[in-house]
Amino acid sequence: MQMEEKIIGMLEQIMSKQDDHSEILNGHSEMLNEHSKILNEHSKILNEHSNILNEHSKILGEHTQKLDNHDSQLKDHGQVLSAILTGQEYLKAEIDGMKVSNANEFGAIKGRMDDFFANFEVLRDETWKNKTDIQRIKNVMGMN
């Protein structure tokens, strides 16, 4: 009997330990259930954040498209401004050429005018001299 009592004692110890382990496992199960609830709540929050991020990604995509459109417009405007600037430079060069040409022509005209005035002076002097001669001849002939 002693052996049976030892075996029964050992079985009681094993049963007691199993009960202790069952309590520990039950506590762990409760903790796991709580953690599952927390994880489910976090999953919901993460899903909401994912939706928000998807909306923001869509908005960023739209902004990127707008920026691309603006970039294209700025390039077009830059080309137009460059063409205008080139045209202005061409016109300025043409006007500068016309100024030089006008200055040359004005110089030539001024030279001719100087010659004209000199010739006019000579012609006036000769005309005066001729009138004087004609008047003397008239006086000598008594036509006056």
N, C-alpha and C. Protein backbone atom coordinates (compact mmCIF):
# COMPACT_ATOMS: atom_id res chain seq x y z
N MET A 1 0.74 -1.17 0.00
CA MET A 1 0.00 0.00 0.00
C MET A 1 0.81 1.28 0.00
N GLN A 2 1.82 1.20 0.52
CA GLN A 2 2.69 2.34 0.56
C GLN A 2 3.02 2.84 -0.85
N MET A 3 3.16 2.00 -1.70
CA MET A 3 3.48 2.34 -3.07
C MET A 3 2.28 3.00 -3.71
N GLU A 4 1.11 2.49 -3.38
CA GLU A 4 -0.10 3.05 -3.94
C GLU A 4 -0.29 4.47 -3.41
N GLU A 5 0.02 4.64 -2.13
CA GLU A 5 -0.12 5.97 -1.54
C GLU A 5 0.87 6.94 -2.17
N LYS A 6 2.06 6.46 -2.43
CA LYS A 6 3.06 7.31 -3.09
C LYS A 6 2.57 7.69 -4.48
N ILE A 7 2.03 6.72 -5.20
CA ILE A 7 1.57 6.98 -6.56
C ILE A 7 0.40 7.95 -6.49
N ILE A 8 -0.50 7.75 -5.52
CA ILE A 8 -1.64 8.64 -5.38
C ILE A 8 -1.15 10.03 -5.01
N GLY A 9 -0.17 10.13 -4.13
CA GLY A 9 0.41 11.42 -3.75
C GLY A 9 1.03 12.11 -4.96
N MET A 10 1.75 11.32 -5.73
CA MET A 10 2.38 11.88 -6.92
C MET A 10 1.31 12.34 -7.93
N LEU A 11 0.26 11.53 -8.07
CA LEU A 11 -0.82 11.90 -8.98
C LEU A 11 -1.51 13.17 -8.50
N GLU A 12 -1.67 13.29 -7.17
CA GLU A 12 -2.29 14.49 -6.62
C GLU A 12 -1.41 15.71 -6.89
N GLN A 13 -0.09 15.52 -6.75
CA GLN A 13 0.84 16.62 -7.05
C GLN A 13 0.75 17.01 -8.53
N ILE A 14 0.70 15.98 -9.37
CA ILE A 14 0.61 16.23 -10.82
C ILE A 14 -0.69 16.96 -11.12
N MET A 15 -1.79 16.51 -10.49
CA MET A 15 -3.08 17.13 -10.71
C MET A 15 -3.05 18.58 -10.22
N SER A 16 -2.40 18.80 -9.07
CA SER A 16 -2.31 20.15 -8.53
C SER A 16 -1.52 21.05 -9.48
N LYS A 17 -0.43 20.51 -10.02
CA LYS A 17 0.38 21.29 -10.96
C LYS A 17 -0.41 21.54 -12.24
N GLN A 18 -1.18 20.54 -12.67
CA GLN A 18 -1.99 20.72 -13.87
C GLN A 18 -3.02 21.81 -13.64
N ASP A 19 -3.61 21.83 -12.42
CA ASP A 19 -4.58 22.88 -12.11
C ASP A 19 -3.90 24.25 -12.14
N ASP A 20 -2.69 24.30 -11.52
CA ASP A 20 -1.94 25.57 -11.54
C ASP A 20 -1.66 26.00 -12.99
N HIS A 21 -1.22 25.05 -13.79
CA HIS A 21 -0.90 25.35 -15.20
C HIS A 21 -2.15 25.74 -15.97
N SER A 22 -3.29 25.11 -15.63
CA SER A 22 -4.56 25.47 -16.28
C SER A 22 -4.92 26.91 -15.96
N GLU A 23 -4.72 27.30 -14.69
CA GLU A 23 -5.00 28.68 -14.30
C GLU A 23 -4.10 29.65 -15.06
N ILE A 24 -2.81 29.27 -15.13
CA ILE A 24 -1.85 30.12 -15.86
C ILE A 24 -2.27 30.21 -17.33
N LEU A 25 -2.63 29.06 -17.92
CA LEU A 25 -3.05 29.04 -19.32
C LEU A 25 -4.32 29.85 -19.52
N ASN A 26 -5.24 29.75 -18.57
CA ASN A 26 -6.47 30.55 -18.66
C ASN A 26 -6.14 32.05 -18.61
N GLY A 27 -5.21 32.43 -17.73
CA GLY A 27 -4.78 33.83 -17.66
C GLY A 27 -4.15 34.28 -18.97
N HIS A 28 -3.32 33.39 -19.52
CA HIS A 28 -2.69 33.72 -20.80
C HIS A 28 -3.73 33.80 -21.92
N SER A 29 -4.73 32.94 -21.86
CA SER A 29 -5.81 32.98 -22.86
C SER A 29 -6.55 34.30 -22.78
N GLU A 30 -6.83 34.75 -21.55
CA GLU A 30 -7.50 36.03 -21.37
C GLU A 30 -6.65 37.17 -21.93
N MET A 31 -5.33 37.11 -21.63
CA MET A 31 -4.43 38.14 -22.16
C MET A 31 -4.40 38.11 -23.68
N LEU A 32 -4.36 36.88 -24.24
CA LEU A 32 -4.36 36.76 -25.70
C LEU A 32 -5.65 37.30 -26.29
N ASN A 33 -6.77 37.04 -25.62
CA ASN A 33 -8.05 37.59 -26.10
C ASN A 33 -8.04 39.12 -26.05
N GLU A 34 -7.52 39.69 -24.96
CA GLU A 34 -7.42 41.14 -24.86
C GLU A 34 -6.51 41.69 -25.95
N HIS A 35 -5.38 41.01 -26.16
CA HIS A 35 -4.44 41.44 -27.21
C HIS A 35 -5.09 41.33 -28.59
N SER A 36 -5.90 40.29 -28.78
CA SER A 36 -6.60 40.14 -30.06
C SER A 36 -7.55 41.30 -30.28
N LYS A 37 -8.28 41.69 -29.21
CA LYS A 37 -9.19 42.83 -29.31
C LYS A 37 -8.41 44.10 -29.65
N ILE A 38 -7.29 44.30 -28.94
CA ILE A 38 -6.45 45.49 -29.19
C ILE A 38 -5.93 45.47 -30.63
N LEU A 39 -5.47 44.29 -31.08
CA LEU A 39 -4.96 44.17 -32.45
C LEU A 39 -6.07 44.44 -33.47
N ASN A 40 -7.28 43.97 -33.18
CA ASN A 40 -8.41 44.24 -34.08
C ASN A 40 -8.70 45.73 -34.15
N GLU A 41 -8.66 46.41 -32.99
CA GLU A 41 -8.87 47.86 -32.97
C GLU A 41 -7.77 48.56 -33.76
N HIS A 42 -6.53 48.12 -33.55
CA HIS A 42 -5.40 48.71 -34.29
C HIS A 42 -5.53 48.44 -35.79
N SER A 43 -6.03 47.27 -36.13
CA SER A 43 -6.23 46.95 -37.55
C SER A 43 -7.25 47.90 -38.17
N LYS A 44 -8.35 48.17 -37.41
CA LYS A 44 -9.35 49.11 -37.91
C LYS A 44 -8.73 50.49 -38.10
N ILE A 45 -7.95 50.93 -37.11
CA ILE A 45 -7.30 52.25 -37.19
C ILE A 45 -6.35 52.28 -38.38
N LEU A 46 -5.57 51.21 -38.56
CA LEU A 46 -4.63 51.15 -39.69
C LEU A 46 -5.38 51.17 -41.02
N ASN A 47 -6.52 50.49 -41.08
CA ASN A 47 -7.32 50.52 -42.31
C ASN A 47 -7.82 51.93 -42.59
N GLU A 48 -8.27 52.63 -41.55
CA GLU A 48 -8.71 54.02 -41.73
C GLU A 48 -7.55 54.88 -42.22
N HIS A 49 -6.38 54.68 -41.61
CA HIS A 49 -5.19 55.45 -42.03
C HIS A 49 -4.81 55.11 -43.47
N SER A 50 -4.97 53.84 -43.83
CA SER A 50 -4.68 53.45 -45.22
C SER A 50 -5.62 54.16 -46.18
N ASN A 51 -6.89 54.24 -45.80
CA ASN A 51 -7.86 54.96 -46.65
C ASN A 51 -7.48 56.43 -46.77
N ILE A 52 -7.11 57.03 -45.64
CA ILE A 52 -6.70 58.44 -45.67
C ILE A 52 -5.47 58.62 -46.55
N LEU A 53 -4.49 57.72 -46.40
CA LEU A 53 -3.27 57.80 -47.22
C LEU A 53 -3.60 57.61 -48.70
N ASN A 54 -4.54 56.73 -49.01
CA ASN A 54 -4.95 56.55 -50.41
C ASN A 54 -5.57 57.83 -50.96
N GLU A 55 -6.41 58.48 -50.15
CA GLU A 55 -7.00 59.76 -50.57
C GLU A 55 -5.92 60.80 -50.80
N HIS A 56 -4.96 60.85 -49.88
CA HIS A 56 -3.86 61.82 -50.03
C HIS A 56 -3.02 61.50 -51.26
N SER A 57 -2.82 60.22 -51.53
CA SER A 57 -2.07 59.83 -52.73
C SER A 57 -2.80 60.30 -53.98
N LYS A 58 -4.13 60.16 -53.97
CA LYS A 58 -4.92 60.61 -55.11
C LYS A 58 -4.77 62.12 -55.29
N ILE A 59 -4.87 62.86 -54.18
CA ILE A 59 -4.73 64.32 -54.24
C ILE A 59 -3.34 64.70 -54.73
N LEU A 60 -2.32 64.00 -54.23
CA LEU A 60 -0.95 64.29 -54.68
C LEU A 60 -0.80 64.00 -56.17
N GLY A 61 -1.46 62.95 -56.64
CA GLY A 61 -1.43 62.65 -58.07
C GLY A 61 -2.04 63.77 -58.89
N GLU A 62 -3.17 64.31 -58.39
CA GLU A 62 -3.80 65.44 -59.08
C GLU A 62 -2.89 66.66 -59.07
N HIS A 63 -2.25 66.91 -57.94
CA HIS A 63 -1.33 68.05 -57.84
C HIS A 63 -0.14 67.85 -58.79
N THR A 64 0.34 66.62 -58.87
CA THR A 64 1.45 66.34 -59.78
C THR A 64 1.04 66.65 -61.22
N GLN A 65 -0.19 66.25 -61.58
CA GLN A 65 -0.69 66.53 -62.93
C GLN A 65 -0.77 68.03 -63.18
N LYS A 66 -1.27 68.77 -62.18
CA LYS A 66 -1.35 70.22 -62.32
C LYS A 66 0.04 70.82 -62.48
N LEU A 67 0.99 70.34 -61.67
CA LEU A 67 2.36 70.85 -61.77
C LEU A 67 2.95 70.55 -63.14
N ASP A 68 2.66 69.36 -63.67
CA ASP A 68 3.15 69.02 -65.01
C ASP A 68 2.55 69.96 -66.05
N ASN A 69 1.24 70.25 -65.90
CA ASN A 69 0.59 71.18 -66.83
C ASN A 69 1.22 72.57 -66.73
N HIS A 70 1.46 73.02 -65.50
CA HIS A 70 2.09 74.34 -65.30
C HIS A 70 3.49 74.35 -65.89
N ASP A 71 4.22 73.26 -65.70
CA ASP A 71 5.58 73.17 -66.25
C ASP A 71 5.53 73.29 -67.77
N SER A 72 4.59 72.61 -68.38
CA SER A 72 4.44 72.67 -69.83
C SER A 72 4.10 74.09 -70.28
N GLN A 73 3.18 74.74 -69.56
CA GLN A 73 2.81 76.12 -69.90
C GLN A 73 4.00 77.05 -69.74
N LEU A 74 4.77 76.87 -68.66
CA LEU A 74 5.94 77.72 -68.45
C LEU A 74 6.96 77.54 -69.56
N LYS A 75 7.14 76.29 -70.03
CA LYS A 75 8.06 76.06 -71.14
C LYS A 75 7.56 76.77 -72.40
N ASP A 76 6.25 76.65 -72.66
CA ASP A 76 5.67 77.33 -73.83
C ASP A 76 5.86 78.84 -73.72
N HIS A 77 5.57 79.40 -72.56
CA HIS A 77 5.72 80.85 -72.35
C HIS A 77 7.19 81.25 -72.51
N GLY A 78 8.10 80.41 -72.01
CA GLY A 78 9.52 80.70 -72.16
C GLY A 78 9.92 80.76 -73.63
N GLN A 79 9.38 79.83 -74.43
CA GLN A 79 9.69 79.84 -75.86
C GLN A 79 9.12 81.09 -76.53
N VAL A 80 7.91 81.47 -76.14
CA VAL A 80 7.30 82.68 -76.71
C VAL A 80 8.13 83.90 -76.35
N LEU A 81 8.52 83.99 -75.07
CA LEU A 81 9.32 85.14 -74.64
C LEU A 81 10.68 85.15 -75.34
N SER A 82 11.26 83.99 -75.53
CA SER A 82 12.54 83.91 -76.24
C SER A 82 12.38 84.39 -77.68
N ALA A 83 11.28 83.98 -78.33
CA ALA A 83 11.03 84.42 -79.70
C ALA A 83 10.83 85.93 -79.76
N ILE A 84 10.08 86.46 -78.78
CA ILE A 84 9.87 87.91 -78.73
C ILE A 84 11.19 88.64 -78.54
N LEU A 85 12.02 88.13 -77.64
CA LEU A 85 13.32 88.75 -77.39
C LEU A 85 14.18 88.72 -78.64
N THR A 86 14.18 87.58 -79.34
CA THR A 86 14.95 87.47 -80.57
C THR A 86 14.44 88.48 -81.61
N GLY A 87 13.11 88.59 -81.71
CA GLY A 87 12.52 89.56 -82.64
C GLY A 87 12.90 90.98 -82.29
N GLN A 88 12.89 91.29 -81.00
CA GLN A 88 13.26 92.64 -80.56
C GLN A 88 14.73 92.92 -80.90
N GLU A 89 15.58 91.93 -80.67
CA GLU A 89 17.00 92.13 -80.98
C GLU A 89 17.19 92.36 -82.48
N TYR A 90 16.43 91.59 -83.30
CA TYR A 90 16.52 91.76 -84.75
C TYR A 90 16.06 93.16 -85.15
N LEU A 91 14.91 93.59 -84.59
CA LEU A 91 14.40 94.93 -84.91
C LEU A 91 15.35 96.01 -84.44
N LYS A 92 15.95 95.84 -83.27
CA LYS A 92 16.91 96.82 -82.76
C LYS A 92 18.11 96.92 -83.70
N ALA A 93 18.60 95.76 -84.15
CA ALA A 93 19.73 95.77 -85.07
C ALA A 93 19.34 96.46 -86.38
N GLU A 94 18.12 96.19 -86.83
CA GLU A 94 17.66 96.82 -88.07
C GLU A 94 17.53 98.33 -87.89
N ILE A 95 16.98 98.77 -86.76
CA ILE A 95 16.85 100.20 -86.48
C ILE A 95 18.23 100.85 -86.35
N ASP A 96 19.15 100.16 -85.68
CA ASP A 96 20.51 100.70 -85.57
C ASP A 96 21.14 100.86 -86.95
N GLY A 97 20.89 99.87 -87.84
CA GLY A 97 21.40 99.98 -89.21
C GLY A 97 20.78 101.15 -89.93
N MET A 98 19.48 101.36 -89.70
CA MET A 98 18.81 102.49 -90.33
C MET A 98 19.36 103.81 -89.80
N LYS A 99 19.67 103.87 -88.51
CA LYS A 99 20.25 105.09 -87.94
C LYS A 99 21.59 105.40 -88.58
N VAL A 100 22.41 104.36 -88.74
CA VAL A 100 23.72 104.56 -89.37
C VAL A 100 23.53 105.02 -90.82
N SER A 101 22.60 104.37 -91.52
CA SER A 101 22.34 104.75 -92.91
C SER A 101 21.83 106.19 -93.00
N ASN A 102 20.90 106.55 -92.11
CA ASN A 102 20.38 107.92 -92.10
C ASN A 102 21.48 108.92 -91.77
N ALA A 103 22.35 108.56 -90.84
CA ALA A 103 23.45 109.47 -90.48
C ALA A 103 24.37 109.66 -91.69
N ASN A 104 24.65 108.58 -92.41
CA ASN A 104 25.50 108.69 -93.60
C ASN A 104 24.83 109.56 -94.67
N GLU A 105 23.52 109.32 -94.90
CA GLU A 105 22.80 110.11 -95.89
C GLU A 105 22.73 111.57 -95.45
N PHE A 106 22.49 111.82 -94.17
CA PHE A 106 22.43 113.19 -93.68
C PHE A 106 23.78 113.88 -93.87
N GLY A 107 24.86 113.14 -93.60
CA GLY A 107 26.20 113.71 -93.81
C GLY A 107 26.42 114.07 -95.27
N ALA A 108 25.97 113.19 -96.18
CA ALA A 108 26.12 113.47 -97.62
C ALA A 108 25.27 114.67 -98.02
N ILE A 109 24.03 114.73 -97.51
CA ILE A 109 23.15 115.86 -97.83
C ILE A 109 23.73 117.16 -97.28
N LYS A 110 24.26 117.10 -96.08
CA LYS A 110 24.86 118.29 -95.48
C LYS A 110 26.04 118.77 -96.33
N GLY A 111 26.84 117.82 -96.82
CA GLY A 111 27.96 118.20 -97.69
C GLY A 111 27.46 118.86 -98.96
N ARG A 112 26.39 118.33 -99.55
CA ARG A 112 25.83 118.92 -100.77
C ARG A 112 25.24 120.30 -100.47
N MET A 113 24.60 120.43 -99.31
CA MET A 113 24.05 121.73 -98.94
C MET A 113 25.16 122.76 -98.78
N ASP A 114 26.26 122.34 -98.16
CA ASP A 114 27.39 123.26 -98.02
C ASP A 114 27.88 123.70 -99.40
N ASP A 115 27.99 122.72 -100.34
CA ASP A 115 28.40 123.05 -101.70
C ASP A 115 27.37 123.98 -102.35
N PHE A 116 26.07 123.68 -102.15
CA PHE A 116 25.00 124.50 -102.72
C PHE A 116 25.08 125.93 -102.22
N PHE A 117 25.27 126.09 -100.88
CA PHE A 117 25.35 127.44 -100.33
C PHE A 117 26.58 128.17 -100.86
N ALA A 118 27.68 127.45 -101.00
CA ALA A 118 28.89 128.09 -101.55
C ALA A 118 28.63 128.53 -102.99
N ASN A 119 28.01 127.64 -103.78
CA ASN A 119 27.70 127.98 -105.18
C ASN A 119 26.69 129.12 -105.23
N PHE A 120 25.72 129.10 -104.32
CA PHE A 120 24.73 130.17 -104.27
C PHE A 120 25.39 131.51 -103.98
N GLU A 121 26.35 131.51 -103.05
CA GLU A 121 27.08 132.74 -102.72
C GLU A 121 27.80 133.26 -103.97
N VAL A 122 28.46 132.34 -104.67
CA VAL A 122 29.19 132.74 -105.89
C VAL A 122 28.20 133.29 -106.92
N LEU A 123 27.08 132.56 -107.10
CA LEU A 123 26.08 132.98 -108.07
C LEU A 123 25.49 134.34 -107.69
N ARG A 124 25.23 134.58 -106.43
CA ARG A 124 24.69 135.85 -105.97
C ARG A 124 25.70 136.97 -106.23
N ASP A 125 26.95 136.68 -105.88
CA ASP A 125 27.98 137.70 -106.14
C ASP A 125 28.09 138.02 -107.63
N GLU A 126 28.05 137.00 -108.47
CA GLU A 126 28.15 137.22 -109.92
C GLU A 126 26.92 137.96 -110.43
N THR A 127 25.74 137.59 -109.90
CA THR A 127 24.51 138.28 -110.32
C THR A 127 24.58 139.75 -109.92
N TRP A 128 25.05 140.04 -108.74
CA TRP A 128 25.18 141.42 -108.29
C TRP A 128 26.16 142.17 -109.17
N LYS A 129 27.24 141.50 -109.47
CA LYS A 129 28.27 142.12 -110.32
C LYS A 129 27.68 142.40 -111.71
N ASN A 130 26.90 141.44 -112.24
CA ASN A 130 26.28 141.63 -113.56
C ASN A 130 25.28 142.78 -113.52
N LYS A 131 24.47 142.86 -112.46
CA LYS A 131 23.51 143.96 -112.34
C LYS A 131 24.24 145.30 -112.28
N THR A 132 25.34 145.29 -111.54
CA THR A 132 26.12 146.53 -111.46
C THR A 132 26.64 146.92 -112.84
N ASP A 133 27.16 145.93 -113.56
CA ASP A 133 27.68 146.20 -114.91
C ASP A 133 26.56 146.69 -115.83
N ILE A 134 25.38 146.05 -115.75
CA ILE A 134 24.24 146.45 -116.57
C ILE A 134 23.84 147.88 -116.24
N GLN A 135 23.82 148.24 -114.98
CA GLN A 135 23.44 149.58 -114.55
C GLN A 135 24.45 150.60 -115.08
N ARG A 136 25.75 150.28 -115.04
CA ARG A 136 26.77 151.19 -115.55
C ARG A 136 26.62 151.40 -117.06
N ILE A 137 26.34 150.27 -117.72
CA ILE A 137 26.18 150.36 -119.18
C ILE A 137 24.96 151.23 -119.50
N LYS A 138 23.88 151.06 -118.77
CA LYS A 138 22.68 151.86 -118.99
C LYS A 138 22.98 153.33 -118.73
N ASN A 139 23.76 153.59 -117.68
CA ASN A 139 24.10 154.97 -117.37
C ASN A 139 24.96 155.57 -118.49
N VAL A 140 25.89 154.77 -118.98
CA VAL A 140 26.77 155.25 -120.05
C VAL A 140 25.94 155.49 -121.31
N MET A 141 25.00 154.66 -121.57
CA MET A 141 24.18 154.79 -122.77
C MET A 141 23.05 155.80 -122.56
N GLY A 142 22.87 156.20 -121.37
CA GLY A 142 21.86 157.19 -121.04
C GLY A 142 20.47 156.61 -121.04
N MET A 143 20.32 155.42 -120.71
CA MET A 143 19.03 154.77 -120.71
C MET A 143 18.35 154.90 -119.35
N ASN A 144 18.98 155.45 -118.51
CA ASN A 144 18.42 155.56 -117.17
C ASN A 144 17.70 156.80 -116.92
